[in-house]
All heavy atoms as atom14 arrays in JSON, in Angstrom:
{
  "sequence": "VWTGGMSFHGGFAGTVIAIFLFAWRRGLSVWTLFDLAG",
  "atom14_mask": [
    [1, 1, 1, 1, 1, 1, 1, 0, 0, 0, 0, 0, 0, 0],
    [1, 1, 1, 1, 1, 1, 1, 1, 1, 1, 1, 1, 1, 1],
    [1, 1, 1, 1, 1, 1, 1, 0, 0, 0, 0, 0, 0, 0],
    [1, 1, 1, 1, 0, 0, 0, 0, 0, 0, 0, 0, 0, 0],
    [1, 1, 1, 1, 0, 0, 0, 0, 0, 0, 0, 0, 0, 0],
    [1, 1, 1, 1, 1, 1, 1, 1, 0, 0, 0, 0, 0, 0],
    [1, 1, 1, 1, 1, 1, 0, 0, 0, 0, 0, 0, 0, 0],
    [1, 1, 1, 1, 1, 1, 1, 1, 1, 1, 1, 0, 0, 0],
    [1, 1, 1, 1, 1, 1, 1, 1, 1, 1, 0, 0, 0, 0],
    [1, 1, 1, 1, 0, 0, 0, 0, 0, 0, 0, 0, 0, 0],
    [1, 1, 1, 1, 0, 0, 0, 0, 0, 0, 0, 0, 0, 0],
    [1, 1, 1, 1, 1, 1, 1, 1, 1, 1, 1, 0, 0, 0],
    [1, 1, 1, 1, 1, 0, 0, 0, 0, 0, 0, 0, 0, 0],
    [1, 1, 1, 1, 0, 0, 0, 0, 0, 0, 0, 0, 0, 0],
    [1, 1, 1, 1, 1, 1, 1, 0, 0, 0, 0, 0, 0, 0],
    [1, 1, 1, 1, 1, 1, 1, 0, 0, 0, 0, 0, 0, 0],
    [1, 1, 1, 1, 1, 1, 1, 1, 0, 0, 0, 0, 0, 0],
    [1, 1, 1, 1, 1, 0, 0, 0, 0, 0, 0, 0, 0, 0],
    [1, 1, 1, 1, 1, 1, 1, 1, 0, 0, 0, 0, 0, 0],
    [1, 1, 1, 1, 1, 1, 1, 1, 1, 1, 1, 0, 0, 0],
    [1, 1, 1, 1, 1, 1, 1, 1, 0, 0, 0, 0, 0, 0],
    [1, 1, 1, 1, 1, 1, 1, 1, 1, 1, 1, 0, 0, 0],
    [1, 1, 1, 1, 1, 0, 0, 0, 0, 0, 0, 0, 0, 0],
    [1, 1, 1, 1, 1, 1, 1, 1, 1, 1, 1, 1, 1, 1],
    [1, 1, 1, 1, 1, 1, 1, 1, 1, 1, 1, 0, 0, 0],
    [1, 1, 1, 1, 1, 1, 1, 1, 1, 1, 1, 0, 0, 0],
    [1, 1, 1, 1, 0, 0, 0, 0, 0, 0, 0, 0, 0, 0],
    [1, 1, 1, 1, 1, 1, 1, 1, 0, 0, 0, 0, 0, 0],
    [1, 1, 1, 1, 1, 1, 0, 0, 0, 0, 0, 0, 0, 0],
    [1, 1, 1, 1, 1, 1, 1, 0, 0, 0, 0, 0, 0, 0],
    [1, 1, 1, 1, 1, 1, 1, 1, 1, 1, 1, 1, 1, 1],
    [1, 1, 1, 1, 1, 1, 1, 0, 0, 0, 0, 0, 0, 0],
    [1, 1, 1, 1, 1, 1, 1, 1, 0, 0, 0, 0, 0, 0],
    [1, 1, 1, 1, 1, 1, 1, 1, 1, 1, 1, 0, 0, 0],
    [1, 1, 1, 1, 1, 1, 1, 1, 0, 0, 0, 0, 0, 0],
    [1, 1, 1, 1, 1, 1, 1, 1, 0, 0, 0, 0, 0, 0],
    [1, 1, 1, 1, 1, 0, 0, 0, 0, 0, 0, 0, 0, 0],
    [1, 1, 1, 1, 0, 0, 0, 0, 0, 0, 0, 0, 0, 0]
  ],
  "atom14_positions": [
    [[6.94, -4.25, 19.1], [8.35, -4.26, 18.75], [9.24, -3.75, 19.88], [10.45, -4.05, 19.94], [8.59, -3.4, 17.49], [7.87, -4.01, 16.27], [8.1, -1.97, 17.67], [0.0, 0.0, 0.0], [0.0, 0.0, 0.0], [0.0, 0.0, 0.0], [0.0, 0.0, 0.0], [0.0, 0.0, 0.0], [0.0, 0.0, 0.0], [0.0, 0.0, 0.0]],
    [[8.65, -2.91, 20.79], [9.45, -2.39, 21.87], [9.87, -3.42, 22.9], [10.75, -3.16, 23.73], [8.67, -1.27, 22.57], [7.31, -1.7, 23.01], [6.98, -2.23, 24.24], [6.1, -1.62, 22.26], [5.62, -2.52, 24.27], [5.05, -2.15, 23.07], [5.78, -1.17, 20.99], [3.76, -2.22, 22.65], [4.45, -1.22, 20.56], [3.48, -1.74, 21.39]],
    [[9.28, -4.61, 22.82], [9.67, -5.69, 23.75], [10.86, -6.47, 23.21], [11.36, -7.36, 23.92], [8.49, -6.62, 23.99], [8.11, -7.27, 22.78], [7.29, -5.87, 24.56], [0.0, 0.0, 0.0], [0.0, 0.0, 0.0], [0.0, 0.0, 0.0], [0.0, 0.0, 0.0], [0.0, 0.0, 0.0], [0.0, 0.0, 0.0], [0.0, 0.0, 0.0]],
    [[11.29, -6.2, 21.96], [12.43, -6.91, 21.38], [11.94, -8.06, 20.48], [10.78, -8.48, 20.55], [0.0, 0.0, 0.0], [0.0, 0.0, 0.0], [0.0, 0.0, 0.0], [0.0, 0.0, 0.0], [0.0, 0.0, 0.0], [0.0, 0.0, 0.0], [0.0, 0.0, 0.0], [0.0, 0.0, 0.0], [0.0, 0.0, 0.0], [0.0, 0.0, 0.0]],
    [[12.83, -8.49, 19.62], [12.5, -9.59, 18.71], [12.27, -9.11, 17.31], [11.15, -8.7, 16.96], [0.0, 0.0, 0.0], [0.0, 0.0, 0.0], [0.0, 0.0, 0.0], [0.0, 0.0, 0.0], [0.0, 0.0, 0.0], [0.0, 0.0, 0.0], [0.0, 0.0, 0.0], [0.0, 0.0, 0.0], [0.0, 0.0, 0.0], [0.0, 0.0, 0.0]],
    [[13.35, -9.13, 16.48], [13.23, -8.74, 15.08], [14.0, -9.77, 14.24], [15.07, -10.26, 14.67], [13.8, -7.35, 14.83], [13.05, -6.23, 15.55], [11.47, -5.86, 14.78], [12.02, -4.86, 13.34], [0.0, 0.0, 0.0], [0.0, 0.0, 0.0], [0.0, 0.0, 0.0], [0.0, 0.0, 0.0], [0.0, 0.0, 0.0], [0.0, 0.0, 0.0]],
    [[13.5, -10.09, 13.06], [14.13, -11.05, 12.18], [14.66, -10.34, 10.94], [13.9, -9.6, 10.27], [13.14, -12.13, 11.77], [13.55, -12.83, 10.58], [0.0, 0.0, 0.0], [0.0, 0.0, 0.0], [0.0, 0.0, 0.0], [0.0, 0.0, 0.0], [0.0, 0.0, 0.0], [0.0, 0.0, 0.0], [0.0, 0.0, 0.0], [0.0, 0.0, 0.0]],
    [[15.94, -10.54, 10.63], [16.44, -9.94, 9.4], [15.73, -10.46, 8.21], [15.35, -9.72, 7.29], [17.95, -10.18, 9.21], [18.42, -9.89, 7.8], [18.64, -8.6, 7.42], [18.49, -10.9, 6.86], [19.0, -8.31, 6.11], [18.84, -10.61, 5.56], [19.09, -9.32, 5.17], [0.0, 0.0, 0.0], [0.0, 0.0, 0.0], [0.0, 0.0, 0.0]],
    [[15.51, -11.78, 8.14], [14.88, -12.34, 6.93], [13.47, -11.84, 6.76], [13.01, -11.64, 5.63], [14.92, -13.88, 7.06], [16.29, -14.44, 7.06], [16.97, -14.68, 8.24], [17.14, -14.81, 6.08], [18.18, -15.17, 7.95], [18.31, -15.27, 6.66], [0.0, 0.0, 0.0], [0.0, 0.0, 0.0], [0.0, 0.0, 0.0], [0.0, 0.0, 0.0]],
    [[12.75, -11.6, 7.87], [11.44, -10.97, 7.78], [11.52, -9.54, 7.28], [10.73, -9.1, 6.44], [0.0, 0.0, 0.0], [0.0, 0.0, 0.0], [0.0, 0.0, 0.0], [0.0, 0.0, 0.0], [0.0, 0.0, 0.0], [0.0, 0.0, 0.0], [0.0, 0.0, 0.0], [0.0, 0.0, 0.0], [0.0, 0.0, 0.0], [0.0, 0.0, 0.0]],
    [[12.52, -8.79, 7.79], [12.73, -7.42, 7.37], [13.1, -7.36, 5.88], [12.7, -6.48, 5.15], [0.0, 0.0, 0.0], [0.0, 0.0, 0.0], [0.0, 0.0, 0.0], [0.0, 0.0, 0.0], [0.0, 0.0, 0.0], [0.0, 0.0, 0.0], [0.0, 0.0, 0.0], [0.0, 0.0, 0.0], [0.0, 0.0, 0.0], [0.0, 0.0, 0.0]],
    [[13.88, -8.36, 5.47], [14.27, -8.44, 4.03], [13.03, -8.65, 3.18], [12.85, -7.99, 2.15], [15.24, -9.62, 3.85], [15.66, -9.86, 2.43], [16.61, -9.1, 1.84], [15.09, -10.93, 1.73], [17.02, -9.32, 0.5], [15.48, -11.16, 0.42], [16.43, -10.34, -0.2], [0.0, 0.0, 0.0], [0.0, 0.0, 0.0], [0.0, 0.0, 0.0]],
    [[12.14, -9.58, 3.57], [10.91, -9.82, 2.82], [10.05, -8.57, 2.8], [9.46, -8.25, 1.75], [10.16, -11.02, 3.42], [0.0, 0.0, 0.0], [0.0, 0.0, 0.0], [0.0, 0.0, 0.0], [0.0, 0.0, 0.0], [0.0, 0.0, 0.0], [0.0, 0.0, 0.0], [0.0, 0.0, 0.0], [0.0, 0.0, 0.0], [0.0, 0.0, 0.0]],
    [[9.93, -7.89, 3.95], [9.13, -6.67, 3.99], [9.67, -5.59, 3.08], [8.91, -4.86, 2.42], [0.0, 0.0, 0.0], [0.0, 0.0, 0.0], [0.0, 0.0, 0.0], [0.0, 0.0, 0.0], [0.0, 0.0, 0.0], [0.0, 0.0, 0.0], [0.0, 0.0, 0.0], [0.0, 0.0, 0.0], [0.0, 0.0, 0.0], [0.0, 0.0, 0.0]],
    [[11.0, -5.47, 3.04], [11.64, -4.51, 2.14], [11.42, -4.82, 0.69], [11.22, -3.95, -0.16], [13.15, -4.37, 2.46], [13.32, -4.09, 3.83], [13.78, -3.27, 1.61], [0.0, 0.0, 0.0], [0.0, 0.0, 0.0], [0.0, 0.0, 0.0], [0.0, 0.0, 0.0], [0.0, 0.0, 0.0], [0.0, 0.0, 0.0], [0.0, 0.0, 0.0]],
    [[11.47, -6.08, 0.36], [11.24, -6.56, -1.03], [9.83, -6.13, -1.47], [9.63, -5.6, -2.59], [11.4, -8.08, -1.14], [10.83, -8.61, -2.47], [12.89, -8.46, -1.03], [0.0, 0.0, 0.0], [0.0, 0.0, 0.0], [0.0, 0.0, 0.0], [0.0, 0.0, 0.0], [0.0, 0.0, 0.0], [0.0, 0.0, 0.0], [0.0, 0.0, 0.0]],
    [[8.85, -6.37, -0.61], [7.46, -5.98, -0.93], [7.35, -4.49, -1.09], [6.73, -3.96, -2.04], [6.53, -6.47, 0.16], [6.47, -8.0, 0.18], [5.11, -5.89, -0.01], [5.72, -8.61, 1.34], [0.0, 0.0, 0.0], [0.0, 0.0, 0.0], [0.0, 0.0, 0.0], [0.0, 0.0, 0.0], [0.0, 0.0, 0.0], [0.0, 0.0, 0.0]],
    [[8.01, -3.73, -0.18], [7.98, -2.25, -0.28], [8.61, -1.76, -1.56], [8.08, -0.81, -2.22], [8.71, -1.65, 0.93], [0.0, 0.0, 0.0], [0.0, 0.0, 0.0], [0.0, 0.0, 0.0], [0.0, 0.0, 0.0], [0.0, 0.0, 0.0], [0.0, 0.0, 0.0], [0.0, 0.0, 0.0], [0.0, 0.0, 0.0], [0.0, 0.0, 0.0]],
    [[9.7, -2.39, -2.01], [10.35, -1.98, -3.25], [9.49, -2.25, -4.44], [9.34, -1.41, -5.33], [11.72, -2.7, -3.38], [12.71, -2.14, -2.39], [12.26, -2.6, -4.81], [14.04, -2.88, -2.33], [0.0, 0.0, 0.0], [0.0, 0.0, 0.0], [0.0, 0.0, 0.0], [0.0, 0.0, 0.0], [0.0, 0.0, 0.0], [0.0, 0.0, 0.0]],
    [[8.84, -3.42, -4.49], [7.96, -3.74, -5.6], [6.83, -2.74, -5.68], [6.49, -2.22, -6.79], [7.41, -5.16, -5.45], [8.21, -6.2, -6.09], [8.84, -7.2, -5.32], [8.34, -6.28, -7.46], [9.63, -8.19, -5.92], [9.12, -7.29, -8.08], [9.75, -8.24, -7.3], [0.0, 0.0, 0.0], [0.0, 0.0, 0.0], [0.0, 0.0, 0.0]],
    [[6.2, -2.44, -4.58], [5.04, -1.51, -4.56], [5.48, -0.11, -4.96], [4.81, 0.57, -5.74], [4.4, -1.5, -3.19], [3.69, -2.81, -2.74], [3.19, -2.7, -1.35], [2.54, -3.12, -3.72], [0.0, 0.0, 0.0], [0.0, 0.0, 0.0], [0.0, 0.0, 0.0], [0.0, 0.0, 0.0], [0.0, 0.0, 0.0], [0.0, 0.0, 0.0]],
    [[6.61, 0.34, -4.43], [7.06, 1.72, -4.7], [7.48, 1.86, -6.12], [7.17, 2.83, -6.83], [8.21, 2.1, -3.77], [8.66, 3.52, -3.9], [7.94, 4.54, -3.25], [9.75, 3.86, -4.65], [8.35, 5.87, -3.39], [10.15, 5.19, -4.8], [9.45, 6.19, -4.15], [0.0, 0.0, 0.0], [0.0, 0.0, 0.0], [0.0, 0.0, 0.0]],
    [[8.21, 0.86, -6.66], [8.67, 0.89, -8.06], [7.48, 0.92, -8.99], [7.47, 1.64, -9.99], [9.6, -0.27, -8.35], [0.0, 0.0, 0.0], [0.0, 0.0, 0.0], [0.0, 0.0, 0.0], [0.0, 0.0, 0.0], [0.0, 0.0, 0.0], [0.0, 0.0, 0.0], [0.0, 0.0, 0.0], [0.0, 0.0, 0.0], [0.0, 0.0, 0.0]],
    [[6.49, 0.08, -8.69], [5.28, 0.05, -9.55], [4.54, 1.38, -9.51], [4.1, 1.89, -10.55], [4.39, -1.08, -9.05], [2.99, -1.07, -9.67], [2.66, -1.46, -10.92], [1.79, -0.62, -9.04], [1.32, -1.28, -11.16], [0.76, -0.75, -10.01], [1.47, -0.09, -7.77], [-0.55, -0.4, -9.72], [0.18, 0.25, -7.53], [-0.83, 0.11, -8.46]],
    [[4.44, 1.99, -8.33], [3.72, 3.23, -8.19], [4.43, 4.39, -8.92], [3.79, 5.27, -9.54], [3.58, 3.59, -6.72], [2.7, 4.82, -6.44], [2.61, 5.04, -4.93], [1.81, 6.22, -4.63], [0.5, 6.21, -4.48], [-0.18, 5.07, -4.63], [-0.14, 7.31, -4.2], [0.0, 0.0, 0.0], [0.0, 0.0, 0.0], [0.0, 0.0, 0.0]],
    [[5.75, 4.38, -8.91], [6.52, 5.48, -9.51], [7.01, 5.14, -10.94], [7.63, 6.01, -11.57], [7.75, 5.79, -8.65], [7.43, 6.42, -7.33], [6.85, 7.81, -7.5], [6.49, 8.43, -6.24], [7.33, 9.21, -5.54], [8.52, 9.45, -5.97], [6.88, 9.71, -4.4], [0.0, 0.0, 0.0], [0.0, 0.0, 0.0], [0.0, 0.0, 0.0]],
    [[6.79, 3.95, -11.43], [7.24, 3.62, -12.76], [8.74, 3.5, -12.83], [9.34, 3.79, -13.85], [0.0, 0.0, 0.0], [0.0, 0.0, 0.0], [0.0, 0.0, 0.0], [0.0, 0.0, 0.0], [0.0, 0.0, 0.0], [0.0, 0.0, 0.0], [0.0, 0.0, 0.0], [0.0, 0.0, 0.0], [0.0, 0.0, 0.0], [0.0, 0.0, 0.0]],
    [[9.38, 2.99, -11.75], [10.83, 2.84, -11.71], [11.25, 1.41, -11.98], [10.41, 0.47, -11.86], [11.36, 3.27, -10.32], [11.06, 4.71, -9.86], [11.43, 4.87, -8.41], [11.82, 5.68, -10.77], [0.0, 0.0, 0.0], [0.0, 0.0, 0.0], [0.0, 0.0, 0.0], [0.0, 0.0, 0.0], [0.0, 0.0, 0.0], [0.0, 0.0, 0.0]],
    [[12.51, 1.18, -12.3], [13.05, -0.13, -12.44], [13.18, -0.81, -11.07], [13.89, -0.33, -10.21], [14.44, -0.09, -13.11], [15.09, -1.33, -12.98], [0.0, 0.0, 0.0], [0.0, 0.0, 0.0], [0.0, 0.0, 0.0], [0.0, 0.0, 0.0], [0.0, 0.0, 0.0], [0.0, 0.0, 0.0], [0.0, 0.0, 0.0], [0.0, 0.0, 0.0]],
    [[12.46, -1.89, -10.88], [12.48, -2.54, -9.59], [13.87, -3.13, -9.3], [14.34, -3.1, -8.13], [11.4, -3.66, -9.53], [11.72, -4.79, -10.46], [11.25, -4.2, -8.09], [0.0, 0.0, 0.0], [0.0, 0.0, 0.0], [0.0, 0.0, 0.0], [0.0, 0.0, 0.0], [0.0, 0.0, 0.0], [0.0, 0.0, 0.0], [0.0, 0.0, 0.0]],
    [[14.58, -3.56, -10.37], [15.9, -4.16, -10.14], [16.92, -3.09, -9.77], [17.79, -3.37, -8.9], [16.36, -4.93, -11.39], [15.46, -6.12, -11.66], [14.69, -6.28, -12.78], [15.26, -7.22, -10.83], [13.97, -7.45, -12.66], [14.34, -8.06, -11.5], [15.76, -7.62, -9.6], [13.89, -9.25, -10.97], [15.29, -8.82, -9.07], [14.4, -9.62, -9.73]],
    [[16.83, -1.94, -10.33], [17.73, -0.87, -9.93], [17.49, -0.45, -8.51], [18.44, -0.18, -7.73], [17.57, 0.35, -10.89], [17.95, -0.04, -12.2], [18.45, 1.52, -10.43], [0.0, 0.0, 0.0], [0.0, 0.0, 0.0], [0.0, 0.0, 0.0], [0.0, 0.0, 0.0], [0.0, 0.0, 0.0], [0.0, 0.0, 0.0], [0.0, 0.0, 0.0]],
    [[16.24, -0.38, -8.1], [15.93, -0.05, -6.71], [16.43, -1.13, -5.75], [16.91, -0.83, -4.66], [14.43, 0.16, -6.54], [13.94, 0.96, -5.32], [14.65, 2.29, -5.2], [12.45, 1.18, -5.36], [0.0, 0.0, 0.0], [0.0, 0.0, 0.0], [0.0, 0.0, 0.0], [0.0, 0.0, 0.0], [0.0, 0.0, 0.0], [0.0, 0.0, 0.0]],
    [[16.31, -2.37, -6.17], [16.85, -3.47, -5.37], [18.39, -3.32, -5.23], [18.92, -3.55, -4.15], [16.56, -4.81, -6.03], [15.23, -5.41, -5.65], [14.39, -5.93, -6.63], [14.82, -5.46, -4.34], [13.17, -6.49, -6.3], [13.59, -5.99, -3.99], [12.78, -6.51, -4.97], [0.0, 0.0, 0.0], [0.0, 0.0, 0.0], [0.0, 0.0, 0.0]],
    [[19.05, -2.96, -6.31], [20.5, -2.8, -6.29], [20.88, -1.72, -5.28], [21.83, -1.88, -4.47], [21.03, -2.42, -7.66], [21.05, -3.61, -8.64], [20.98, -4.76, -8.14], [21.15, -3.37, -9.82], [0.0, 0.0, 0.0], [0.0, 0.0, 0.0], [0.0, 0.0, 0.0], [0.0, 0.0, 0.0], [0.0, 0.0, 0.0], [0.0, 0.0, 0.0]],
    [[20.21, -0.61, -5.34], [20.51, 0.51, -4.44], [20.29, 0.11, -2.98], [21.11, 0.39, -2.1], [19.65, 1.73, -4.77], [19.98, 2.44, -6.1], [18.87, 3.4, -6.48], [21.32, 3.18, -5.96], [0.0, 0.0, 0.0], [0.0, 0.0, 0.0], [0.0, 0.0, 0.0], [0.0, 0.0, 0.0], [0.0, 0.0, 0.0], [0.0, 0.0, 0.0]],
    [[19.18, -0.57, -2.72], [18.9, -1.01, -1.35], [19.94, -2.01, -0.89], [20.39, -1.98, 0.28], [17.5, -1.62, -1.27], [0.0, 0.0, 0.0], [0.0, 0.0, 0.0], [0.0, 0.0, 0.0], [0.0, 0.0, 0.0], [0.0, 0.0, 0.0], [0.0, 0.0, 0.0], [0.0, 0.0, 0.0], [0.0, 0.0, 0.0], [0.0, 0.0, 0.0]],
    [[20.37, -2.92, -1.77], [21.38, -3.91, -1.41], [22.7, -3.28, -1.09], [23.39, -3.69, -0.14], [0.0, 0.0, 0.0], [0.0, 0.0, 0.0], [0.0, 0.0, 0.0], [0.0, 0.0, 0.0], [0.0, 0.0, 0.0], [0.0, 0.0, 0.0], [0.0, 0.0, 0.0], [0.0, 0.0, 0.0], [0.0, 0.0, 0.0], [0.0, 0.0, 0.0]]
  ]
}
């Protein structure tokens, strides 16, 4: 990553996956967490 080159859409997909996993692990509303992140 230090050489440059990042994609927003890839970062968006990565964040979606992170939200799903974290919400499932903590028993949180995935949609509320999506709203906060958005």
